[in-house]
Amino acid sequence: MTGPAARRIDADGVELAAYQWGASTAPAVVLVHGYPDTSAVWRPVAERLADRFHVTAFDVRGAGASDRPRGLRAYRMSRLEADLEAVSTP
């Protein structure tokens, strides 16, 4: 993804690549892509929102620059929810 450098976030042993735009004091918006995309699909939207919001877009586990854990258990909804919480925490 061209734009901000990835911030590496540990989500229970899985490293996620998160990209951020806008002031950290602004209201937060987190953009989540689907499979098989990456956070790159959100870049144009993030850039438009950055003047009003602190925007985070991240590569979900198994996609883009994030780690690719093995096994279906690593992709359970509870793990995906924990990833969202991890990238949403300042």
Protein backbone atom coordinates (compact mmCIF):
# COMPACT_ATOMS: atom_id res chain seq x y z
CA MET A 1 0.00 0.00 0.00
CA THR A 2 1.41 3.39 -0.96
CA GLY A 3 0.84 5.94 1.76
CA PRO A 4 1.63 5.75 5.45
CA ALA A 5 4.08 3.16 6.71
CA ALA A 6 2.63 0.07 8.32
CA ARG A 7 2.42 -0.01 12.08
CA ARG A 8 2.95 -3.58 13.28
CA ILE A 9 0.41 -4.59 15.91
CA ASP A 10 0.59 -7.81 17.90
CA ALA A 11 -2.81 -9.50 18.14
CA ASP A 12 -2.31 -12.53 20.36
CA GLY A 13 0.88 -13.58 18.58
CA VAL A 14 -0.21 -12.59 15.07
CA GLU A 15 1.42 -9.47 13.63
CA LEU A 16 -1.07 -7.24 11.82
CA ALA A 17 -0.11 -4.44 9.43
CA ALA A 18 -2.13 -1.29 10.17
CA TYR A 19 -2.05 2.00 8.28
CA GLN A 20 -3.23 5.28 9.78
CA TRP A 21 -4.23 8.70 8.52
CA GLY A 22 -5.37 11.87 10.28
CA ALA A 23 -4.84 13.32 13.74
CA SER A 24 -4.81 10.82 16.60
CA THR A 25 -7.08 13.18 18.58
CA ALA A 26 -9.86 13.07 15.96
CA PRO A 27 -12.79 10.64 16.18
CA ALA A 28 -11.72 7.15 15.11
CA VAL A 29 -12.81 5.18 12.06
CA VAL A 30 -11.57 1.64 11.41
CA LEU A 31 -11.88 0.22 7.90
CA VAL A 32 -11.94 -3.56 7.48
CA HIS A 33 -11.57 -5.27 4.09
CA GLY A 34 -12.97 -8.63 3.06
CA TYR A 35 -11.24 -11.63 1.53
CA PRO A 36 -9.30 -11.77 -0.74
CA ASP A 37 -8.61 -8.00 -0.62
CA THR A 38 -6.12 -6.00 1.45
CA SER A 39 -6.34 -2.66 3.22
CA ALA A 40 -5.26 -1.05 -0.07
CA VAL A 41 -8.90 -1.04 -1.21
CA TRP A 42 -9.60 1.55 1.52
CA ARG A 43 -6.79 3.99 0.71
CA PRO A 44 -8.89 6.46 -1.37
CA VAL A 45 -11.60 6.48 1.31
CA ALA A 46 -9.07 6.88 4.14
CA GLU A 47 -7.44 9.83 2.42
CA ARG A 48 -10.81 11.57 2.03
CA LEU A 49 -11.74 10.99 5.67
CA ALA A 50 -8.35 11.96 7.14
CA ASP A 51 -9.16 15.66 7.48
CA ARG A 52 -12.01 14.88 9.94
CA PHE A 53 -11.13 11.47 11.43
CA HIS A 54 -8.29 9.32 12.68
CA VAL A 55 -8.55 6.50 10.15
CA THR A 56 -7.07 3.03 10.53
CA ALA A 57 -7.13 0.42 7.77
CA PHE A 58 -5.42 -2.89 8.39
CA ASP A 59 -4.58 -6.10 6.60
CA VAL A 60 -6.63 -8.78 8.31
CA ARG A 61 -4.83 -11.95 9.38
CA GLY A 62 -3.86 -14.00 6.38
CA ALA A 63 -3.90 -11.05 3.97
CA GLY A 64 -1.50 -8.41 2.70
CA ALA A 65 1.43 -7.62 4.97
CA SER A 66 -0.13 -9.29 8.04
CA ASP A 67 0.92 -12.71 9.32
CA ARG A 68 -0.70 -15.83 7.91
CA PRO A 69 -1.42 -18.19 10.78
CA ARG A 70 -2.08 -21.83 9.95
CA GLY A 71 -5.22 -23.74 10.73
CA LEU A 72 -8.89 -22.82 10.75
CA ARG A 73 -8.90 -22.11 14.50
CA ALA A 74 -6.74 -19.04 13.85
CA TYR A 75 -9.60 -17.54 11.82
CA ARG A 76 -12.47 -18.02 14.27
CA MET A 77 -14.72 -15.01 14.81
CA SER A 78 -13.36 -14.52 18.33
CA ARG A 79 -9.84 -14.13 16.87
CA LEU A 80 -11.03 -11.70 14.21
CA GLU A 81 -12.86 -9.68 16.87
CA ALA A 82 -9.67 -9.55 18.95
CA ASP A 83 -7.75 -8.31 15.90
CA LEU A 84 -10.24 -5.48 15.43
CA GLU A 85 -9.87 -4.52 19.08
CA ALA A 86 -6.07 -4.62 18.82
CA VAL A 87 -5.92 -2.23 15.87
CA SER A 88 -8.56 0.05 17.41
CA THR A 89 -6.58 0.61 20.59
CA PRO A 90 -4.34 3.70 20.42
